[in-house]
């Protein structure tokens, strides 16, 4: 083909847009740096507060600080470590075993259980703790019926203590094992059967071949899921507070709200944040070592189980669903129906507040995540990549740490704008907490959830479609609107639901930052349960569980449709 200068009209050639560089690249980098600063601003505020000297006077705050670091800090560390180990054991046993059974075998109910095993994600651990406590406690129906049948009295028989760190670890594990299950199931499904056959031909038994060949290939994915579960464990507040478990999160809230010790709370928050960052670094390292060079282009065949082995597999996969979702929902419904608690006239307001925060949180996070993910696709500069890596660490920040940092920031912000707000005669925006502060916390914490969901949807679209559209003269935003959006809108809708449900379940940040008399379903559930008003806590807790099933069902439908039509 002759060059354009040799008798070929240049307007007949397809136009190719230059890569997004220059001013556009600088603007994207500047926006990414601004987003990264907004993410790290609460952390910087916590660090600043932690470095302040302790009060010199020997008043209540000084005594509280000395007591905090002289007596309870070792207990916080030991209890948090025991709780993390308990959660790790539960999520490993359930996540790996169920992921292997669903990916490698055919048994009755496998297709339904494959997505039902994700349902416990819709049940917050603190809601599960309330449901089981009401059932297993000495005043609950189980022990009451036991005493009625045997004639025993309280104290004359042994029964496991529900209010303990092992129980908290069990409930957290039942709520968090889907993180490990999802990654393990995908990794097991992508295993190469030829490697196992080669190992068997060398004389290894089936069990040894699994440990020597299959397990090493899925271990990085399992480690990543365990890191996510452990980060959620360190960030949990409702479960440990209800069970009076002396973890770092409960200690931070107690020091801030109960003792009025802001410096001590900030220092505990820095220690907790250090643990979380270590886990995040380990998870990133494991993810960086993942290799899929041996991925089989065809799914590995599943072996058909028959007889007792098939029903054992069904029971093993059904048990986590029952214990982590079905039974808590049933216990909450029975507690609400049989507890005799009257309908609370404030319930519509609580539902409205919860819906408002969830909707606004998703509406703020989704557009920013969409722009960030698409910018990373079309103009990936080092500055942009670094900023996005920093903003994606927001999910690792515990809600109580975000709350402490944002309260410090709100004080600075209100003092900065005090002359303006006083002159205009309007109240300070963030004084004593506000809806804006809560939405800010949601945006920082759940931006990675939205970004990862949108990025994975964009990754399933072939880059050749971008090149074809750009060669026809379409600009990047036109490509996004005309090509990408029709292909990814279902995934974006599922991601929006996930972000909304995460906002709905978030307790510590909402508890710390909410305005006066602004309660959500999660907050009132925690408050009722803390006051031992479990019958009144049952309905808002049940609403959280039922609404939380929506994204799971939506995601299952999206995944099924994508499997039918194939990757784009």
Protein backbone atom coordinates (compact mmCIF):
# COMPACT_ATOMS: atom_id res chain seq x y z
CA UNK A 1 0.00 0.00 0.00
CA UNK A 2 1.52 3.33 -1.00
CA UNK A 3 2.10 5.98 1.62
CA UNK A 4 -0.58 8.68 1.97
CA UNK A 5 1.46 11.23 0.02
CA UNK A 6 1.36 9.13 -3.15
CA UNK A 7 -2.01 9.96 -4.74
CA UNK A 8 -4.07 8.61 -1.80
CA UNK A 9 -6.50 11.08 -0.22
CA UNK A 10 -5.72 11.30 3.45
CA UNK A 11 -9.36 11.79 4.39
CA UNK A 12 -10.15 8.24 3.21
CA UNK A 13 -7.76 6.71 5.72
CA UNK A 14 -9.04 5.68 9.15
CA UNK A 15 -8.12 8.23 11.77
CA UNK A 16 -6.14 7.07 14.78
CA UNK A 17 -6.29 9.04 17.95
CA UNK A 18 -3.06 9.68 19.78
CA UNK A 19 -2.71 8.16 23.20
CA UNK A 20 -4.03 10.24 26.04
CA UNK A 21 -0.90 12.14 27.02
CA UNK A 22 0.12 15.71 27.68
CA UNK A 23 -2.55 17.79 29.39
CA UNK A 24 -4.98 14.82 29.72
CA UNK A 25 -2.32 12.66 31.34
CA UNK A 26 -1.40 15.44 33.75
CA UNK A 27 -5.04 15.98 34.69
CA UNK A 28 -5.54 12.25 35.29
CA UNK A 29 -2.40 12.12 37.40
CA UNK A 30 -3.48 15.21 39.37
CA UNK A 31 -6.93 13.73 39.97
CA UNK A 32 -5.41 10.44 41.08
CA UNK A 33 -3.08 12.21 43.49
CA UNK A 34 -6.04 14.14 44.92
CA UNK A 35 -7.98 10.89 45.38
CA UNK A 36 -4.98 9.28 47.05
CA UNK A 37 -4.65 12.24 49.41
CA UNK A 38 -8.32 12.01 50.37
CA UNK A 39 -7.78 8.32 51.21
CA UNK A 40 -4.69 8.86 53.34
CA UNK A 41 -5.92 12.09 55.01
CA UNK A 42 -7.73 10.23 57.85
CA UNK A 43 -4.64 8.08 58.39
CA UNK A 44 -2.42 11.16 58.55
CA UNK A 45 -4.80 12.69 61.08
CA UNK A 46 -4.58 9.57 63.27
CA UNK A 47 -0.78 9.60 63.03
CA UNK A 48 -0.68 13.28 63.99
CA UNK A 49 -2.93 12.70 67.00
CA UNK A 50 -0.90 9.64 68.08
CA UNK A 51 2.33 11.67 68.09
CA UNK A 52 0.92 14.33 70.40
CA UNK A 53 2.38 14.14 73.93
CA UNK A 54 0.24 12.64 76.66
CA UNK A 55 -1.44 15.09 79.03
CA UNK A 56 1.05 16.32 81.58
CA UNK A 57 -1.46 16.68 84.39
CA UNK A 58 -2.34 13.68 86.51
CA UNK A 59 -6.00 13.97 85.74
CA UNK A 60 -8.42 11.43 84.42
CA UNK A 61 -7.01 11.40 80.90
CA UNK A 62 -3.44 10.88 82.08
CA UNK A 63 -4.51 8.05 84.35
CA UNK A 64 -6.56 6.49 81.56
CA UNK A 65 -3.57 6.63 79.22
CA UNK A 66 -1.24 5.06 81.79
CA UNK A 67 -3.80 2.34 82.50
CA UNK A 68 -4.34 1.69 78.81
CA UNK A 69 -0.70 1.13 77.90
CA UNK A 70 0.41 -0.33 81.21
CA UNK A 71 -2.22 -3.03 81.68
CA UNK A 72 -4.64 -3.66 78.79
CA UNK A 73 -2.39 -3.40 75.74
CA UNK A 74 -0.86 -6.90 76.17
CA UNK A 75 -4.35 -8.31 76.62
CA UNK A 76 -5.56 -6.57 73.45
CA UNK A 77 -2.65 -8.03 71.48
CA UNK A 78 -3.07 -11.59 72.80
CA UNK A 79 -6.85 -11.62 72.40
CA UNK A 80 -6.67 -10.20 68.88
CA UNK A 81 -4.10 -12.85 67.93
CA UNK A 82 -6.26 -15.67 69.33
CA UNK A 83 -9.32 -14.31 67.55
CA UNK A 84 -7.43 -14.06 64.25
CA UNK A 85 -6.15 -17.65 64.57
CA UNK A 86 -9.66 -18.93 65.30
CA UNK A 87 -11.08 -17.13 62.26
CA UNK A 88 -8.20 -18.38 60.11
CA UNK A 89 -8.90 -21.99 61.09
CA UNK A 90 -12.62 -21.70 60.31
CA UNK A 91 -12.24 -19.96 56.94
CA UNK A 92 -9.49 -22.36 55.84
CA UNK A 93 -11.43 -25.52 56.69
CA UNK A 94 -14.73 -24.37 55.20
CA UNK A 95 -13.42 -22.31 52.26
CA UNK A 96 -10.87 -24.81 50.96
CA UNK A 97 -12.96 -27.95 51.49
CA UNK A 98 -16.12 -26.51 49.93
CA UNK A 99 -14.17 -24.91 47.09
CA UNK A 100 -12.53 -28.25 46.29
CA UNK A 101 -15.79 -30.22 46.46
CA UNK A 102 -17.69 -27.79 44.21
CA UNK A 103 -14.86 -27.54 41.66
CA UNK A 104 -13.79 -31.19 41.52
CA UNK A 105 -16.90 -33.32 42.07
CA UNK A 106 -20.49 -33.77 40.98
CA UNK A 107 -22.96 -34.51 43.78
CA UNK A 108 -26.63 -33.79 44.54
CA UNK A 109 -27.31 -30.08 44.83
CA UNK A 110 -23.86 -28.97 43.64
CA UNK A 111 -25.09 -26.27 41.26
CA UNK A 112 -27.35 -24.65 43.84
CA UNK A 113 -24.80 -24.92 46.63
CA UNK A 114 -22.09 -23.39 44.41
CA UNK A 115 -23.75 -19.96 44.74
CA UNK A 116 -25.58 -20.53 48.04
CA UNK A 117 -22.20 -20.90 49.75
CA UNK A 118 -21.71 -17.17 49.18
CA UNK A 119 -24.91 -16.19 51.03
CA UNK A 120 -23.25 -15.81 54.49
CA UNK A 121 -21.59 -12.67 53.10
CA UNK A 122 -25.00 -11.04 53.44
CA UNK A 123 -25.08 -11.79 57.18
CA UNK A 124 -22.86 -9.47 59.25
CA UNK A 125 -20.99 -11.31 61.96
CA UNK A 126 -22.49 -9.16 64.70
CA UNK A 127 -26.01 -10.01 63.47
CA UNK A 128 -25.12 -13.70 63.51
CA UNK A 129 -23.77 -13.30 67.05
CA UNK A 130 -27.04 -11.74 68.24
CA UNK A 131 -29.13 -14.50 66.68
CA UNK A 132 -27.12 -17.35 68.18
CA UNK A 133 -26.81 -15.68 71.57
CA UNK A 134 -30.56 -15.39 71.87
CA UNK A 135 -30.85 -19.10 71.03
CA UNK A 136 -27.95 -20.57 73.05
CA UNK A 137 -27.94 -18.29 76.11
CA UNK A 138 -29.16 -19.54 79.50
CA UNK A 139 -32.46 -17.71 78.98
CA UNK A 140 -32.77 -18.92 75.38
CA UNK A 141 -35.14 -21.61 74.10
CA UNK A 142 -32.47 -24.35 73.87
CA UNK A 143 -31.31 -24.30 77.49
CA UNK A 144 -34.82 -23.54 78.73
CA UNK A 145 -36.13 -26.67 77.03
CA UNK A 146 -33.15 -28.67 78.33
CA UNK A 147 -33.90 -27.65 81.93
CA UNK A 148 -37.56 -28.41 81.42
CA UNK A 149 -36.80 -31.95 80.24
CA UNK A 150 -34.12 -32.79 82.81
CA UNK A 151 -35.17 -30.78 85.84
CA UNK A 152 -31.72 -29.22 86.09
CA UNK A 153 -31.12 -25.68 87.21
CA UNK A 154 -28.72 -23.08 85.89
CA UNK A 155 -25.22 -23.96 87.10
CA UNK A 156 -25.92 -27.68 87.54
CA UNK A 157 -24.76 -28.56 84.03
CA UNK A 158 -22.03 -27.47 81.65
CA UNK A 159 -22.84 -25.51 78.51
CA UNK A 160 -20.45 -23.67 76.19
CA UNK A 161 -20.10 -19.97 76.96
CA UNK A 162 -21.46 -18.01 74.03
CA UNK A 163 -19.94 -14.73 75.21
CA UNK A 164 -16.31 -15.69 74.56
CA UNK A 165 -13.59 -15.16 71.99
CA UNK A 166 -13.92 -18.73 70.54
CA UNK A 167 -17.60 -18.04 69.81
CA UNK A 168 -16.70 -14.69 68.28
CA UNK A 169 -14.07 -16.41 66.13
CA UNK A 170 -16.60 -19.03 65.01
CA UNK A 171 -19.23 -16.47 64.00
CA UNK A 172 -16.69 -14.27 62.24
CA UNK A 173 -15.38 -17.34 60.39
CA UNK A 174 -18.89 -18.35 59.29
CA UNK A 175 -19.47 -14.83 57.96
CA UNK A 176 -16.08 -14.47 56.24
CA UNK A 177 -15.28 -17.90 54.76
CA UNK A 178 -16.81 -16.92 51.36
CA UNK A 179 -13.69 -14.80 50.70
CA UNK A 180 -11.59 -17.97 50.77
CA UNK A 181 -14.24 -20.12 49.11
CA UNK A 182 -14.63 -17.90 46.05
CA UNK A 183 -10.90 -17.67 45.36
CA UNK A 184 -10.26 -21.33 46.15
CA UNK A 185 -13.12 -22.51 43.93
CA UNK A 186 -11.84 -20.47 40.99
CA UNK A 187 -8.27 -21.70 41.49
CA UNK A 188 -9.34 -25.33 41.80
CA UNK A 189 -11.49 -25.02 38.67
CA UNK A 190 -8.45 -23.76 36.69
CA UNK A 191 -6.17 -26.59 37.79
CA UNK A 192 -4.43 -28.60 35.08
CA UNK A 193 -5.45 -32.27 35.17
CA UNK A 194 -2.38 -33.24 33.13
CA UNK A 195 -0.08 -32.27 36.02
CA UNK A 196 -2.00 -34.51 38.41
CA UNK A 197 -1.95 -37.35 35.89
CA UNK A 198 1.80 -36.94 35.52
CA UNK A 199 2.23 -37.07 39.29
CA UNK A 200 0.08 -40.21 39.53
CA UNK A 201 2.12 -41.86 36.77
CA UNK A 202 5.24 -41.29 38.90
CA UNK A 203 3.75 -43.37 41.70
CA UNK A 204 2.14 -40.72 43.92
CA UNK A 205 -1.13 -41.61 45.56
CA UNK A 206 -4.18 -39.43 44.97
CA UNK A 207 -3.80 -37.80 48.38
CA UNK A 208 -0.08 -37.09 47.93
CA UNK A 209 -0.65 -35.77 44.41
CA UNK A 210 -3.19 -33.31 45.81
CA UNK A 211 -0.71 -32.04 48.42
CA UNK A 212 2.32 -32.00 46.11
CA UNK A 213 0.71 -30.66 42.88
CA UNK A 214 -2.81 -29.25 43.34
CA UNK A 215 -2.41 -27.45 46.65
CA UNK A 216 0.75 -25.47 45.74
CA UNK A 217 -1.00 -24.12 42.65
CA UNK A 218 -3.98 -22.76 44.63
CA UNK A 219 -2.13 -21.71 47.78
CA UNK A 220 -1.57 -18.06 46.67
CA UNK A 221 -5.29 -17.62 46.01
CA UNK A 222 -6.18 -19.16 49.36
CA UNK A 223 -3.62 -16.95 51.11
CA UNK A 224 -5.17 -13.86 49.48
CA UNK A 225 -8.63 -14.88 50.68
CA UNK A 226 -7.30 -15.52 54.20
CA UNK A 227 -5.68 -12.09 54.24
CA UNK A 228 -8.99 -10.46 53.32
CA UNK A 229 -10.79 -12.42 56.05
CA UNK A 230 -8.16 -11.46 58.63
CA UNK A 231 -8.38 -7.77 57.66
CA UNK A 232 -12.14 -7.92 58.17
CA UNK A 233 -11.55 -9.63 61.53
CA UNK A 234 -9.23 -6.86 62.69
CA UNK A 235 -11.77 -4.27 61.52
CA UNK A 236 -14.78 -5.92 63.23
CA UNK A 237 -16.37 -4.02 66.07
CA UNK A 238 -19.95 -5.20 66.60
CA UNK A 239 -19.13 -8.84 67.40
CA UNK A 240 -16.19 -8.23 69.73
CA UNK A 241 -18.00 -5.39 71.52
CA UNK A 242 -21.12 -7.47 72.08
CA UNK A 243 -19.10 -10.43 73.40
CA UNK A 244 -16.86 -8.15 75.50
CA UNK A 245 -13.76 -9.42 73.68
CA UNK A 246 -10.81 -7.15 74.37
CA UNK A 247 -9.58 -6.69 70.81
CA UNK A 248 -7.85 -3.65 69.38
CA UNK A 249 -11.02 -2.38 67.73
CA UNK A 250 -13.08 -2.56 70.92
CA UNK A 251 -10.21 -0.94 72.84
CA UNK A 252 -10.04 1.98 70.40
CA UNK A 253 -13.75 2.67 70.70
CA UNK A 254 -13.66 2.28 74.50
CA UNK A 255 -10.71 4.65 74.83
CA UNK A 256 -12.29 7.27 72.54
CA UNK A 257 -15.92 7.17 73.67
CA UNK A 258 -15.75 5.71 77.16
CA UNK A 259 -12.55 7.15 78.64
CA UNK A 260 -12.34 10.29 76.52
CA UNK A 261 -8.70 9.47 75.76
CA UNK A 262 -8.16 10.65 72.18
CA UNK A 263 -4.38 10.18 72.24
CA UNK A 264 -4.62 6.64 73.58
CA UNK A 265 -7.27 5.75 71.01
CA UNK A 266 -5.09 7.15 68.22
CA UNK A 267 -2.06 5.16 69.37
CA UNK A 268 -4.09 1.96 69.51
CA UNK A 269 -5.42 2.80 66.04
CA UNK A 270 -1.86 3.17 64.73
CA UNK A 271 -0.97 -0.27 66.12
CA UNK A 272 -4.05 -1.81 64.54
CA UNK A 273 -3.33 -0.06 61.26
CA UNK A 274 0.22 -1.44 61.31
CA UNK A 275 -1.15 -4.98 61.64
CA UNK A 276 -3.58 -4.38 58.79
CA UNK A 277 -0.85 -2.99 56.52
CA UNK A 278 1.32 -6.04 57.23
CA UNK A 279 -1.55 -8.30 56.18
CA UNK A 280 -2.14 -6.16 53.11
CA UNK A 281 1.54 -6.41 52.13
CA UNK A 282 1.43 -10.19 52.55
CA UNK A 283 -1.72 -10.39 50.42
CA UNK A 284 -0.17 -8.24 47.70
CA UNK A 285 2.96 -10.38 47.77
CA UNK A 286 0.94 -13.56 47.41
CA UNK A 287 -1.06 -12.05 44.57
CA UNK A 288 2.15 -10.95 42.85
CA UNK A 289 3.45 -14.52 42.91
CA UNK A 290 0.34 -15.98 41.30
CA UNK A 291 1.04 -17.58 37.94
CA UNK A 292 -1.50 -19.02 35.55
CA UNK A 293 0.90 -20.34 32.93
CA UNK A 294 -0.42 -23.85 33.46
CA UNK A 295 -4.05 -22.85 33.16
CA UNK A 296 -6.03 -25.44 31.29
CA UNK A 297 -8.03 -23.98 28.37
CA UNK A 298 -10.76 -26.48 29.15
CA UNK A 299 -12.30 -26.85 32.61
CA UNK A 300 -10.98 -29.84 34.51
CA UNK A 301 -13.50 -32.70 34.48
CA UNK A 302 -15.46 -33.28 37.67
CA UNK A 303 -15.71 -36.74 39.12
CA UNK A 304 -19.24 -38.00 39.81
CA UNK A 305 -19.73 -39.07 43.42
CA UNK A 306 -22.28 -41.76 44.21
CA UNK A 307 -23.87 -43.24 47.28
CA UNK A 308 -22.79 -42.17 50.74
CA UNK A 309 -19.81 -40.17 49.43
CA UNK A 310 -22.14 -37.97 47.35
CA UNK A 311 -24.44 -37.23 50.28
CA UNK A 312 -21.48 -36.51 52.56
CA UNK A 313 -20.29 -33.91 50.06
CA UNK A 314 -23.78 -32.38 49.94
CA UNK A 315 -23.92 -32.24 53.72
CA UNK A 316 -20.43 -30.71 53.97
CA UNK A 317 -21.37 -27.90 51.57
CA UNK A 318 -24.85 -27.37 52.99
CA UNK A 319 -23.72 -27.07 56.62
CA UNK A 320 -21.97 -23.66 56.21
CA UNK A 321 -25.00 -22.29 54.35
CA UNK A 322 -27.34 -23.42 57.13
CA UNK A 323 -25.10 -22.24 59.97
CA UNK A 324 -24.02 -18.99 58.33
CA UNK A 325 -27.25 -17.86 56.67
CA UNK A 326 -30.41 -19.97 56.97
CA UNK A 327 -30.36 -20.66 60.73
CA UNK A 328 -29.49 -17.08 61.79
CA UNK A 329 -32.27 -15.72 59.55
CA UNK A 330 -34.73 -18.26 61.00
CA UNK A 331 -33.68 -17.48 64.59
CA UNK A 332 -34.07 -13.75 63.98
CA UNK A 333 -37.54 -14.27 62.49
CA UNK A 334 -38.58 -16.44 65.46
CA UNK A 335 -37.12 -13.95 67.95
CA UNK A 336 -39.03 -11.11 66.34
CA UNK A 337 -42.28 -13.06 66.03
CA UNK A 338 -42.18 -14.66 69.47
CA UNK A 339 -40.50 -11.90 71.42
CA UNK A 340 -43.59 -9.78 71.67
CA UNK A 341 -41.71 -6.61 70.77
CA UNK A 342 -44.10 -3.95 69.46
CA UNK A 343 -43.60 -2.27 66.13
CA UNK A 344 -41.27 0.66 66.68
CA UNK A 345 -42.62 3.88 65.18
CA UNK A 346 -39.03 4.93 64.42
CA UNK A 347 -38.47 1.97 62.07
CA UNK A 348 -39.41 3.88 58.87
CA UNK A 349 -36.92 6.61 59.80
CA UNK A 350 -34.17 4.04 60.44
CA UNK A 351 -34.89 2.39 57.09
CA UNK A 352 -34.88 5.78 55.37
CA UNK A 353 -31.56 6.75 56.98
CA UNK A 354 -30.00 3.44 56.00
CA UNK A 355 -31.30 3.67 52.45
CA UNK A 356 -30.08 7.27 52.16
CA UNK A 357 -26.54 6.41 53.26
CA UNK A 358 -26.38 3.30 51.08
CA UNK A 359 -27.71 5.10 48.00
CA UNK A 360 -25.55 8.21 48.43
CA UNK A 361 -22.48 6.10 49.21
CA UNK A 362 -22.94 4.05 46.04
CA UNK A 363 -23.76 7.16 43.98
CA UNK A 364 -20.55 8.85 45.13
CA UNK A 365 -18.24 5.85 44.84
CA UNK A 366 -19.38 4.35 41.51
CA UNK A 367 -18.68 7.31 39.16
CA UNK A 368 -15.27 7.93 40.73
CA UNK A 369 -14.37 4.24 40.46
CA UNK A 370 -15.61 4.10 36.85
CA UNK A 371 -13.48 7.07 35.82
CA UNK A 372 -10.46 5.71 37.70
CA UNK A 373 -10.73 2.22 36.21
CA UNK A 374 -11.21 3.56 32.68
CA UNK A 375 -8.34 6.01 33.10
CA UNK A 376 -6.09 3.14 34.12
CA UNK A 377 -7.14 1.36 30.92
CA UNK A 378 -6.54 4.17 28.44
CA UNK A 379 -3.76 6.23 30.04
CA UNK A 380 -1.80 4.12 32.50
CA UNK A 381 1.03 6.38 33.66
CA UNK A 382 3.32 5.63 36.63
CA UNK A 383 1.72 8.45 38.62
CA UNK A 384 -1.75 7.09 37.91
CA UNK A 385 -0.77 3.52 38.81
CA UNK A 386 0.84 4.64 42.06
CA UNK A 387 -2.13 6.77 43.05
CA UNK A 388 -4.62 3.99 42.29
CA UNK A 389 -2.56 1.53 44.32
CA UNK A 390 -2.75 3.93 47.26
CA UNK A 391 -6.49 4.54 46.92
CA UNK A 392 -7.13 0.79 46.76
CA UNK A 393 -5.73 0.37 50.26
CA UNK A 394 -8.82 2.08 51.70
CA UNK A 395 -10.62 -1.25 52.19
CA UNK A 396 -7.86 -2.29 54.59
CA UNK A 397 -8.63 0.65 56.90
CA UNK A 398 -10.86 -0.45 59.78
CA UNK A 399 -14.02 1.61 60.14
CA UNK A 400 -13.15 2.68 63.68
CA UNK A 401 -9.75 3.99 62.51
CA UNK A 402 -11.47 5.93 59.73
CA UNK A 403 -13.93 7.29 62.28
CA UNK A 404 -11.19 8.50 64.60
CA UNK A 405 -9.27 10.09 61.72
CA UNK A 406 -12.33 11.79 60.26
CA UNK A 407 -13.35 13.19 63.64
CA UNK A 408 -9.92 14.82 63.88
CA UNK A 409 -10.23 16.09 60.31
CA UNK A 410 -13.73 17.40 61.00
CA UNK A 411 -12.38 19.46 63.90
CA UNK A 412 -9.71 21.00 61.68
CA UNK A 413 -12.20 21.61 58.89
CA UNK A 414 -14.78 23.20 61.15
CA UNK A 415 -12.20 25.49 62.77
CA UNK A 416 -10.92 26.48 59.34
CA UNK A 417 -14.40 27.40 58.10
CA UNK A 418 -15.64 28.83 61.42
CA UNK A 419 -15.31 32.49 60.30
CA UNK A 420 -17.17 31.78 57.05
CA UNK A 421 -19.96 29.71 58.62
CA UNK A 422 -20.36 32.29 61.41
CA UNK A 423 -20.59 35.12 58.90
CA UNK A 424 -23.15 33.24 56.80
CA UNK A 425 -25.11 32.12 59.85
CA UNK A 426 -24.99 28.41 58.96
CA UNK A 427 -23.75 25.55 61.14
CA UNK A 428 -20.38 23.93 60.55
CA UNK A 429 -20.61 21.12 58.04
CA UNK A 430 -18.87 18.42 60.05
CA UNK A 431 -19.42 19.54 63.62
CA UNK A 432 -20.07 16.50 65.82
CA UNK A 433 -20.32 14.24 62.81
CA UNK A 434 -22.57 14.50 59.77
CA UNK A 435 -23.93 12.60 56.82
CA UNK A 436 -21.12 14.08 54.72
CA UNK A 437 -18.53 12.60 57.09
CA UNK A 438 -20.18 9.17 56.94
CA UNK A 439 -20.31 9.24 53.14
CA UNK A 440 -16.64 10.30 53.08
CA UNK A 441 -15.78 7.28 55.25
CA UNK A 442 -17.81 5.00 52.97
CA UNK A 443 -16.08 6.42 49.88
CA UNK A 444 -12.62 5.81 51.33
CA UNK A 445 -13.41 2.34 52.66
CA UNK A 446 -15.42 0.95 49.74
CA UNK A 447 -13.78 2.59 46.74
CA UNK A 448 -11.65 -0.56 46.22
CA UNK A 449 -14.80 -2.71 46.10
CA UNK A 450 -16.22 -0.61 43.27
CA UNK A 451 -12.88 -0.23 41.50
CA UNK A 452 -12.11 -3.95 41.50
CA UNK A 453 -15.59 -4.83 40.23
CA UNK A 454 -15.47 -2.30 37.38
CA UNK A 455 -11.85 -3.13 36.53
CA UNK A 456 -12.69 -6.84 36.23
CA UNK A 457 -15.65 -5.99 33.97
CA UNK A 458 -13.40 -3.87 31.74
CA UNK A 459 -10.76 -6.63 31.66
CA UNK A 460 -13.29 -8.99 30.08
CA UNK A 461 -13.63 -6.62 27.08
CA UNK A 462 -11.02 -7.22 24.41
CA UNK A 463 -8.64 -4.27 23.79
CA UNK A 464 -9.14 -4.82 20.06
CA UNK A 465 -12.63 -3.33 20.43
CA UNK A 466 -11.05 -0.15 21.82
CA UNK A 467 -8.60 -0.02 18.93
CA UNK A 468 -11.35 -0.52 16.36
CA UNK A 469 -13.50 2.24 17.83
CA UNK A 470 -10.54 4.62 18.14
CA UNK A 471 -9.53 3.94 14.53
CA UNK A 472 -13.02 5.10 13.51
CA UNK A 473 -12.46 8.43 15.22
CA UNK A 474 -14.21 7.78 18.52
CA UNK A 475 -12.81 9.59 21.53
CA UNK A 476 -12.16 7.71 24.80
CA UNK A 477 -15.38 8.86 26.47
CA UNK A 478 -17.34 7.97 23.35
CA UNK A 479 -15.77 4.50 23.38
CA UNK A 480 -16.79 4.14 27.01
CA UNK A 481 -20.36 5.22 26.29
CA UNK A 482 -20.94 3.38 23.01
CA UNK A 483 -18.81 0.23 23.37
CA UNK A 484 -17.95 -0.54 26.95
CA UNK A 485 -21.07 0.52 28.81
CA UNK A 486 -23.53 -1.79 26.98
CA UNK A 487 -21.21 -4.73 27.71
CA UNK A 488 -20.50 -3.97 31.35
CA UNK A 489 -23.64 -2.33 32.68
CA UNK A 490 -24.88 -5.54 34.35
CA UNK A 491 -21.56 -5.96 36.14
CA UNK A 492 -21.60 -2.29 37.15
CA UNK A 493 -25.12 -2.75 38.51
CA UNK A 494 -23.97 -5.73 40.57
CA UNK A 495 -21.00 -3.71 41.82
CA UNK A 496 -23.30 -0.86 42.83
CA UNK A 497 -25.40 -3.30 44.84
CA UNK A 498 -22.29 -4.66 46.53
CA UNK A 499 -21.16 -1.17 47.52
CA UNK A 500 -24.65 -0.31 48.80
CA UNK A 501 -24.80 -3.47 50.91
CA UNK A 502 -21.32 -2.82 52.30
CA UNK A 503 -22.51 0.66 53.29
CA UNK A 504 -25.62 -0.85 54.83
CA UNK A 505 -23.59 -3.26 56.99
CA UNK A 506 -20.85 -0.83 58.06
CA UNK A 507 -21.15 -0.28 61.80
CA UNK A 508 -18.09 1.32 63.48
CA UNK A 509 -17.65 4.29 61.11
CA UNK A 510 -21.39 5.00 61.20
CA UNK A 511 -21.50 4.65 64.98
CA UNK A 512 -18.64 7.10 65.49
CA UNK A 513 -19.53 9.68 62.81
CA UNK A 514 -23.32 9.81 62.72
CA UNK A 515 -25.08 13.04 63.71
CA UNK A 516 -27.18 13.21 66.84
CA UNK A 517 -30.40 11.17 66.56
CA UNK A 518 -29.41 9.81 63.14
CA UNK A 519 -29.57 6.02 63.48
CA UNK A 520 -29.35 3.25 60.89
CA UNK A 521 -30.44 -0.37 60.98
CA UNK A 522 -26.91 -1.51 61.89
CA UNK A 523 -26.61 1.08 64.67
CA UNK A 524 -29.98 0.33 66.29
CA UNK A 525 -29.34 -3.41 66.03
CA UNK A 526 -26.08 -2.93 67.92
CA UNK A 527 -27.70 -0.63 70.50
CA UNK A 528 -30.68 -2.92 71.16
CA UNK A 529 -28.46 -6.00 71.45
CA UNK A 530 -26.03 -4.18 73.75
CA UNK A 531 -28.99 -3.40 76.04
CA UNK A 532 -30.07 -7.09 75.88
CA UNK A 533 -33.23 -6.12 74.01
CA UNK A 534 -32.76 -8.94 71.52
CA UNK A 535 -36.40 -9.16 70.48
CA UNK A 536 -36.31 -5.52 69.39
CA UNK A 537 -32.94 -6.04 67.67
CA UNK A 538 -34.28 -8.98 65.66
CA UNK A 539 -36.30 -7.06 63.05
CA UNK A 540 -33.62 -4.54 61.96
CA UNK A 541 -31.05 -7.36 61.95
CA UNK A 542 -33.36 -9.51 59.82
CA UNK A 543 -33.86 -6.64 57.38
CA UNK A 544 -30.06 -6.31 56.99
CA UNK A 545 -29.77 -10.05 56.22
CA UNK A 546 -32.64 -10.13 53.73
CA UNK A 547 -31.51 -7.04 51.85
CA UNK A 548 -27.96 -8.39 51.78
CA UNK A 549 -29.04 -11.39 49.71
CA UNK A 550 -29.83 -9.16 46.71
CA UNK A 551 -26.25 -8.65 45.46
CA UNK A 552 -25.49 -12.36 45.89
CA UNK A 553 -28.45 -13.35 43.71
CA UNK A 554 -27.63 -10.61 41.20
CA UNK A 555 -23.99 -11.64 40.99
CA UNK A 556 -24.97 -15.28 40.48
CA UNK A 557 -27.27 -14.25 37.63
CA UNK A 558 -24.57 -12.07 36.06
CA UNK A 559 -21.98 -14.86 36.32
CA UNK A 560 -24.40 -17.36 34.77
CA UNK A 561 -25.21 -15.08 31.82
CA UNK A 562 -21.50 -14.41 31.23
CA UNK A 563 -20.72 -18.13 31.23
CA UNK A 564 -23.47 -18.68 28.65
CA UNK A 565 -22.31 -15.98 26.26
CA UNK A 566 -18.57 -16.40 26.99
CA UNK A 567 -15.98 -13.77 27.75
CA UNK A 568 -15.97 -10.74 25.48
